[in-house]
PDB file of N, CA and C in Angstrom:
ATOM      1  N   MET A   1     148.749  82.860 115.672  1.00  0.00           N
ATOM      2  CA  MET A   1     148.190  83.396 114.453  1.00  0.00           C
ATOM      3  C   MET A   1     146.685  83.114 114.376  1.00  0.00           C
ATOM      4  N   LEU A   2     146.276  81.927 114.759  1.00  0.00           N
ATOM      5  CA  LEU A   2     144.860  81.571 114.722  1.00  0.00           C
ATOM      6  C   LEU A   2     144.072  82.368 115.761  1.00  0.00           C
ATOM      7  N   LYS A   3     144.680  82.596 116.938  1.00  0.00           N
ATOM      8  CA  LYS A   3     144.019  83.394 117.975  1.00  0.00           C
ATOM      9  C   LYS A   3     143.805  84.824 117.483  1.00  0.00           C
ATOM     10  N   LYS A   4     144.812  85.370 116.805  1.00  0.00           N
ATOM     11  CA  LYS A   4     144.716  86.729 116.280  1.00  0.00           C
ATOM     12  C   LYS A   4     143.597  86.821 115.242  1.00  0.00           C
ATOM     13  N   PHE A   5     143.454  85.780 114.423  1.00  0.00           N
ATOM     14  CA  PHE A   5     142.407  85.764 113.400  1.00  0.00           C
ATOM     15  C   PHE A   5     141.018  85.786 114.040  1.00  0.00           C
ATOM     16  N   PHE A   6     140.812  85.011 115.092  1.00  0.00           N
ATOM     17  CA  PHE A   6     139.500  84.947 115.727  1.00  0.00           C
ATOM     18  C   PHE A   6     139.189  86.193 116.561  1.00  0.00           C
ATOM     19  N   ARG A   7     140.214  86.899 117.033  1.00  0.00           N
ATOM     20  CA  ARG A   7     139.991  88.131 117.791  1.00  0.00           C
ATOM     21  C   ARG A   7     139.772  89.337 116.895  1.00  0.00           C
ATOM     22  N   ASP A   8     140.172  89.255 115.653  1.00  0.00           N
ATOM     23  CA  ASP A   8     140.042  90.375 114.723  1.00  0.00           C
ATOM     24  C   ASP A   8     138.571  90.614 114.393  1.00  0.00           C
ATOM     25  N   GLN A   9     138.083  91.822 114.645  1.00  0.00           N
ATOM     26  CA  GLN A   9     136.684  92.147 114.405  1.00  0.00           C
ATOM     27  C   GLN A   9     136.553  93.316 113.430  1.00  0.00           C
ATOM     28  N   SER A  10     137.502  93.491 112.572  1.00  0.00           N
ATOM     29  CA  SER A  10     137.479  94.642 111.673  1.00  0.00           C
ATOM     30  C   SER A  10     136.350  94.563 110.654  1.00  0.00           C
ATOM     31  N   GLY A  11     135.920  93.377 110.265  1.00  0.00           N
ATOM     32  CA  GLY A  11     134.843  93.249 109.289  1.00  0.00           C
ATOM     33  C   GLY A  11     133.481  93.008 109.913  1.00  0.00           C
ATOM     34  N   ALA A  12     133.413  92.955 111.246  1.00  0.00           N
ATOM     35  CA  ALA A  12     132.151  92.636 111.920  1.00  0.00           C
ATOM     36  C   ALA A  12     131.087  93.695 111.664  1.00  0.00           C
ATOM     37  N   THR A  13     131.438  94.947 111.650  1.00  0.00           N
ATOM     38  CA  THR A  13     130.464  96.009 111.450  1.00  0.00           C
ATOM     39  C   THR A  13     129.861  95.941 110.055  1.00  0.00           C
ATOM     40  N   ALA A  14     130.670  95.690 109.069  1.00  0.00           N
ATOM     41  CA  ALA A  14     130.162  95.593 107.700  1.00  0.00           C
ATOM     42  C   ALA A  14     129.205  94.421 107.567  1.00  0.00           C
ATOM     43  N   ILE A  15     129.518  93.319 108.203  1.00  0.00           N
ATOM     44  CA  ILE A  15     128.626  92.153 108.153  1.00  0.00           C
ATOM     45  C   ILE A  15     127.310  92.461 108.858  1.00  0.00           C
ATOM     46  N   GLU A  16     127.374  93.131 109.988  1.00  0.00           N
ATOM     47  CA  GLU A  16     126.153  93.485 110.711  1.00  0.00           C
ATOM     48  C   GLU A  16     125.276  94.420 109.891  1.00  0.00           C
ATOM     49  N   TYR A  17     125.872  95.419 109.261  1.00  0.00           N
ATOM     50  CA  TYR A  17     125.096  96.315 108.410  1.00  0.00           C
ATOM     51  C   TYR A  17     124.503  95.564 107.223  1.00  0.00           C
ATOM     52  N   GLY A  18     125.241  94.632 106.674  1.00  0.00           N
ATOM     53  CA  GLY A  18     124.724  93.822 105.576  1.00  0.00           C
ATOM     54  C   GLY A  18     123.522  92.993 106.006  1.00  0.00           C
ATOM     55  N   LEU A  19     123.573  92.419 107.190  1.00  0.00           N
ATOM     56  CA  LEU A  19     122.441  91.653 107.700  1.00  0.00           C
ATOM     57  C   LEU A  19     121.228  92.541 107.956  1.00  0.00           C
ATOM     58  N   ILE A  20     121.449  93.731 108.478  1.00  0.00           N
ATOM     59  CA  ILE A  20     120.343  94.664 108.717  1.00  0.00           C
ATOM     60  C   ILE A  20     119.695  95.057 107.395  1.00  0.00           C
ATOM     61  N   ILE A  21     120.500  95.356 106.400  1.00  0.00           N
ATOM     62  CA  ILE A  21     119.967  95.725 105.082  1.00  0.00           C
ATOM     63  C   ILE A  21     119.192  94.564 104.480  1.00  0.00           C
ATOM     64  N   ALA A  22     119.688  93.347 104.646  1.00  0.00           N
ATOM     65  CA  ALA A  22     118.988  92.168 104.122  1.00  0.00           C
ATOM     66  C   ALA A  22     117.632  91.991 104.805  1.00  0.00           C
ATOM     67  N   LEU A  23     117.578  92.206 106.119  1.00  0.00           N
ATOM     68  CA  LEU A  23     116.307  92.078 106.837  1.00  0.00           C
ATOM     69  C   LEU A  23     115.313  93.158 106.424  1.00  0.00           C
ATOM     70  N   VAL A  24     115.793  94.375 106.237  1.00  0.00           N
ATOM     71  CA  VAL A  24     114.912  95.458 105.796  1.00  0.00           C
ATOM     72  C   VAL A  24     114.375  95.161 104.397  1.00  0.00           C
ATOM     73  N   PHE A  25     115.240  94.699 103.504  1.00  0.00           N
ATOM     74  CA  PHE A  25     114.807  94.341 102.151  1.00  0.00           C
ATOM     75  C   PHE A  25     113.785  93.217 102.191  1.00  0.00           C
ATOM     76  N   LEU A  26     114.006  92.228 103.035  1.00  0.00           N
ATOM     77  CA  LEU A  26     113.062  91.122 103.163  1.00  0.00           C
ATOM     78  C   LEU A  26     111.714  91.612 103.667  1.00  0.00           C
ATOM     79  N   GLY A  27     111.715  92.523 104.625  1.00  0.00           N
ATOM     80  CA  GLY A  27     110.467  93.082 105.144  1.00  0.00           C
ATOM     81  C   GLY A  27     109.720  93.887 104.095  1.00  0.00           C
ATOM     82  N   ILE A  28     110.434  94.693 103.340  1.00  0.00           N
ATOM     83  CA  ILE A  28     109.801  95.508 102.304  1.00  0.00           C
ATOM     84  C   ILE A  28     109.239  94.631 101.198  1.00  0.00           C
ATOM     85  N   SER A  29     110.013  93.643 100.765  1.00  0.00           N
ATOM     86  CA  SER A  29     109.525  92.784  99.684  1.00  0.00           C
ATOM     87  C   SER A  29     108.339  91.941 100.137  1.00  0.00           C
ATOM     88  N   THR A  30     108.328  91.500 101.388  1.00  0.00           N
ATOM     89  CA  THR A  30     107.186  90.751 101.912  1.00  0.00           C
ATOM     90  C   THR A  30     105.950  91.637 101.974  1.00  0.00           C
ATOM     91  N   ALA A  31     106.112  92.875 102.420  1.00  0.00           N
ATOM     92  CA  ALA A  31     104.979  93.794 102.488  1.00  0.00           C
ATOM     93  C   ALA A  31     104.439  94.103 101.095  1.00  0.00           C
ATOM     94  N   LEU A  32     105.319  94.308 100.138  1.00  0.00           N
ATOM     95  CA  LEU A  32     104.865  94.578  98.773  1.00  0.00           C
ATOM     96  C   LEU A  32     104.141  93.379  98.183  1.00  0.00           C
ATOM     97  N   PHE A  33     104.639  92.191  98.456  1.00  0.00           N
ATOM     98  CA  PHE A  33     103.993  90.988  97.947  1.00  0.00           C
ATOM     99  C   PHE A  33     102.627  90.797  98.592  1.00  0.00           C
ATOM    100  N   THR A  34     102.536  91.078  99.893  1.00  0.00           N
ATOM    101  CA  THR A  34     101.285  90.872 100.622  1.00  0.00           C
ATOM    102  C   THR A  34     100.250  91.930 100.279  1.00  0.00           C
ATOM    103  N   TYR A  35     100.653  93.191 100.237  1.00  0.00           N
ATOM    104  CA  TYR A  35      99.698  94.283 100.063  1.00  0.00           C
ATOM    105  C   TYR A  35      99.745  94.915  98.676  1.00  0.00           C
ATOM    106  N   GLY A  36     100.466  94.332  97.750  1.00  0.00           N
ATOM    107  CA  GLY A  36     100.657  94.929  96.431  1.00  0.00           C
ATOM    108  C   GLY A  36      99.368  95.145  95.670  1.00  0.00           C
ATOM    109  N   GLU A  37      98.494  94.158  95.675  1.00  0.00           N
ATOM    110  CA  GLU A  37      97.234  94.300  94.946  1.00  0.00           C
ATOM    111  C   GLU A  37      96.340  95.363  95.567  1.00  0.00           C
ATOM    112  N   HIS A  38      96.328  95.439  96.890  1.00  0.00           N
ATOM    113  CA  HIS A  38      95.509  96.447  97.568  1.00  0.00           C
ATOM    114  C   HIS A  38      96.003  97.862  97.262  1.00  0.00           C
ATOM    115  N   VAL A  39      97.308  98.032  97.268  1.00  0.00           N
ATOM    116  CA  VAL A  39      97.886  99.346  96.979  1.00  0.00           C
ATOM    117  C   VAL A  39      97.634  99.716  95.525  1.00  0.00           C
ATOM    118  N   GLN A  40      97.766  98.763  94.621  1.00  0.00           N
ATOM    119  CA  GLN A  40      97.495  99.034  93.208  1.00  0.00           C
ATOM    120  C   GLN A  40      96.037  99.435  93.009  1.00  0.00           C
ATOM    121  N   GLY A  41      95.126  98.764  93.674  1.00  0.00           N
ATOM    122  CA  GLY A  41      93.713  99.122  93.584  1.00  0.00           C
ATOM    123  C   GLY A  41      93.449 100.517  94.127  1.00  0.00           C
ATOM    124  N   MET A  42      94.123 100.872  95.213  1.00  0.00           N
ATOM    125  CA  MET A  42      93.947 102.200  95.797  1.00  0.00           C
ATOM    126  C   MET A  42      94.411 103.278  94.826  1.00  0.00           C
ATOM    127  N   TYR A  43      95.582 103.070  94.205  1.00  0.00           N
ATOM    128  CA  TYR A  43      96.090 104.073  93.266  1.00  0.00           C
ATOM    129  C   TYR A  43      95.225 104.146  92.011  1.00  0.00           C
ATOM    130  N   THR A  44      94.688 103.030  91.574  1.00  0.00           N
ATOM    131  CA  THR A  44      93.786 103.039  90.426  1.00  0.00           C
ATOM    132  C   THR A  44      92.523 103.826  90.751  1.00  0.00           C
ATOM    133  N   TYR A  45      91.975 103.602  91.934  1.00  0.00           N
ATOM    134  CA  TYR A  45      90.783 104.338  92.374  1.00  0.00           C
ATOM    135  C   TYR A  45      91.079 105.838  92.452  1.00  0.00           C
ATOM    136  N   LEU A  46      92.210 106.199  93.045  1.00  0.00           N
ATOM    137  CA  LEU A  46      92.563 107.609  93.146  1.00  0.00           C
ATOM    138  C   LEU A  46      92.759 108.235  91.775  1.00  0.00           C
ATOM    139  N   SER A  47      93.419 107.537  90.884  1.00  0.00           N
ATOM    140  CA  SER A  47      93.650 108.033  89.538  1.00  0.00           C
ATOM    141  C   SER A  47      92.337 108.235  88.799  1.00  0.00           C
ATOM    142  N   ASN A  48      91.431 107.290  88.912  1.00  0.00           N
ATOM    143  CA  ASN A  48      90.129 107.419  88.261  1.00  0.00           C
ATOM    144  C   ASN A  48      89.319 108.559  88.866  1.00  0.00           C
ATOM    145  N   SER A  49      89.406 108.728  90.176  1.00  0.00           N
ATOM    146  CA  SER A  49      88.672 109.821  90.845  1.00  0.00           C
ATOM    147  C   SER A  49      89.188 111.194  90.419  1.00  0.00           C
ATOM    148  N   VAL A  50      90.499 111.328  90.330  1.00  0.00           N
ATOM    149  CA  VAL A  50      91.091 112.599  89.910  1.00  0.00           C
ATOM    150  C   VAL A  50      90.748 112.873  88.446  1.00  0.00           C
ATOM    151  N   ALA A  51      90.795 111.852  87.615  1.00  0.00           N
ATOM    152  CA  ALA A  51      90.466 112.027  86.205  1.00  0.00           C
ATOM    153  C   ALA A  51      88.999 112.426  86.035  1.00  0.00           C
ATOM    154  N   ALA A  52      88.120 111.828  86.806  1.00  0.00           N
ATOM    155  CA  ALA A  52      86.700 112.157  86.728  1.00  0.00           C
ATOM    156  C   ALA A  52      86.431 113.571  87.254  1.00  0.00           C
ATOM    157  N   ALA A  53      87.140 113.978  88.282  1.00  0.00           N
ATOM    158  CA  ALA A  53      86.933 115.293  88.866  1.00  0.00           C
ATOM    159  C   ALA A  53      87.478 116.397  87.968  1.00  0.00           C
ATOM    160  N   SER A  54      88.460 116.108  87.158  1.00  0.00           N
ATOM    161  CA  SER A  54      89.062 117.143  86.329  1.00  0.00           C
ATOM    162  C   SER A  54      88.331 117.336  85.006  1.00  0.00           C
ATOM    163  N   LYS A  55      87.341 116.518  84.721  1.00  0.00           N
ATOM    164  CA  LYS A  55      86.579 116.668  83.461  1.00  0.00           C
ATOM    165  C   LYS A  55      85.517 117.708  83.573  1.00  0.00           C
TER     166      LYS A  55
END
């Protein structure tokens, strides 16, 4: 019974996908934390430029 339990891999794929999703989320959140202020400044500049050009 114990051998059968250790050979069973029916949940392995779900765990692997969960780990991949966790790594992708970690990468995205790290990038947002690192570059968040720069991206916000870029969008503010673009917004101000478009507003000035449309007047």
